[in-house]
Amino acid sequence: MYERLPHLTATNLARNAAAPLAQGARRGGVIEQLRSVTVEEACAWHRSFYKPRHARLIIAGAFD
């Protein structure tokens, strides 16, 4: 994933070294906590976070 983005690799490694996650967790959550999330909680979180003001449009490719 990071082959073409060495600066991203360095940033992520530095962040993980400076502030490691508890109990060897991975970014995105601890699996036990993720399993306990209900559909209603996930939908509420999605509604509160994903808003037009947070959107980014990225276009790539050959076009006019």
Protein backbone atom coordinates (compact mmCIF):
# COMPACT_ATOMS: atom_id res chain seq x y z
CA MET A 1 0.00 0.00 0.00
CA TYR A 2 2.77 2.44 0.84
CA GLU A 3 5.20 1.62 -1.98
CA ARG A 4 4.46 4.84 -3.85
CA LEU A 5 3.93 7.02 -0.77
CA PRO A 6 7.08 6.90 1.36
CA HIS A 7 6.11 10.08 3.20
CA LEU A 8 2.84 8.44 4.26
CA THR A 9 4.73 5.39 5.50
CA ALA A 10 7.07 7.57 7.53
CA THR A 11 4.20 9.58 8.99
CA ASN A 12 2.23 6.49 9.99
CA LEU A 13 5.24 4.75 11.51
CA ALA A 14 6.16 7.88 13.48
CA ARG A 15 2.58 8.29 14.73
CA ASN A 16 2.41 4.67 15.85
CA ALA A 17 5.78 4.94 17.59
CA ALA A 18 4.83 8.18 19.36
CA ALA A 19 1.34 7.08 20.38
CA PRO A 20 0.95 3.31 20.23
CA LEU A 21 -2.53 1.91 20.56
CA ALA A 22 -3.50 0.05 23.73
CA GLN A 23 -3.26 -3.74 23.80
CA GLY A 24 -1.77 -3.95 20.31
CA ALA A 25 -4.99 -2.74 18.72
CA ARG A 26 -5.16 -1.66 15.13
CA ARG A 27 -6.45 1.65 13.80
CA GLY A 28 -10.16 1.35 13.27
CA GLY A 29 -10.98 -0.20 16.63
CA VAL A 30 -10.60 -3.15 18.92
CA ILE A 31 -12.43 -6.12 17.45
CA GLU A 32 -14.39 -6.82 20.66
CA GLN A 33 -15.67 -3.24 20.66
CA LEU A 34 -16.53 -3.38 16.96
CA ARG A 35 -18.55 -6.55 17.46
CA SER A 36 -20.62 -4.86 20.16
CA VAL A 37 -21.70 -1.93 17.95
CA THR A 38 -25.36 -2.08 16.97
CA VAL A 39 -26.73 -1.13 13.57
CA GLU A 40 -28.53 1.83 15.16
CA GLU A 41 -25.27 3.10 16.71
CA ALA A 42 -23.42 2.76 13.41
CA CYS A 43 -26.18 4.61 11.54
CA ALA A 44 -26.22 7.41 14.14
CA TRP A 45 -22.44 7.78 13.90
CA HIS A 46 -22.64 7.80 10.11
CA ARG A 47 -25.34 10.52 10.13
CA SER A 48 -23.34 12.68 12.53
CA PHE A 49 -20.01 12.40 10.69
CA TYR A 50 -20.72 12.05 6.97
CA LYS A 51 -22.02 15.43 5.87
CA PRO A 52 -21.57 17.42 2.66
CA ARG A 53 -19.12 19.77 4.36
CA HIS A 54 -16.80 16.79 4.99
CA ALA A 55 -16.95 15.47 1.42
CA ARG A 56 -14.05 15.46 -1.02
CA LEU A 57 -14.34 14.93 -4.73
CA ILE A 58 -11.31 13.30 -6.30
CA ILE A 59 -11.18 12.73 -10.04
CA ALA A 60 -8.42 10.79 -11.76
CA GLY A 61 -7.87 9.59 -15.26
CA ALA A 62 -7.69 10.83 -18.80
CA PHE A 63 -10.64 13.09 -19.61
CA ASP A 64 -11.42 16.56 -21.02
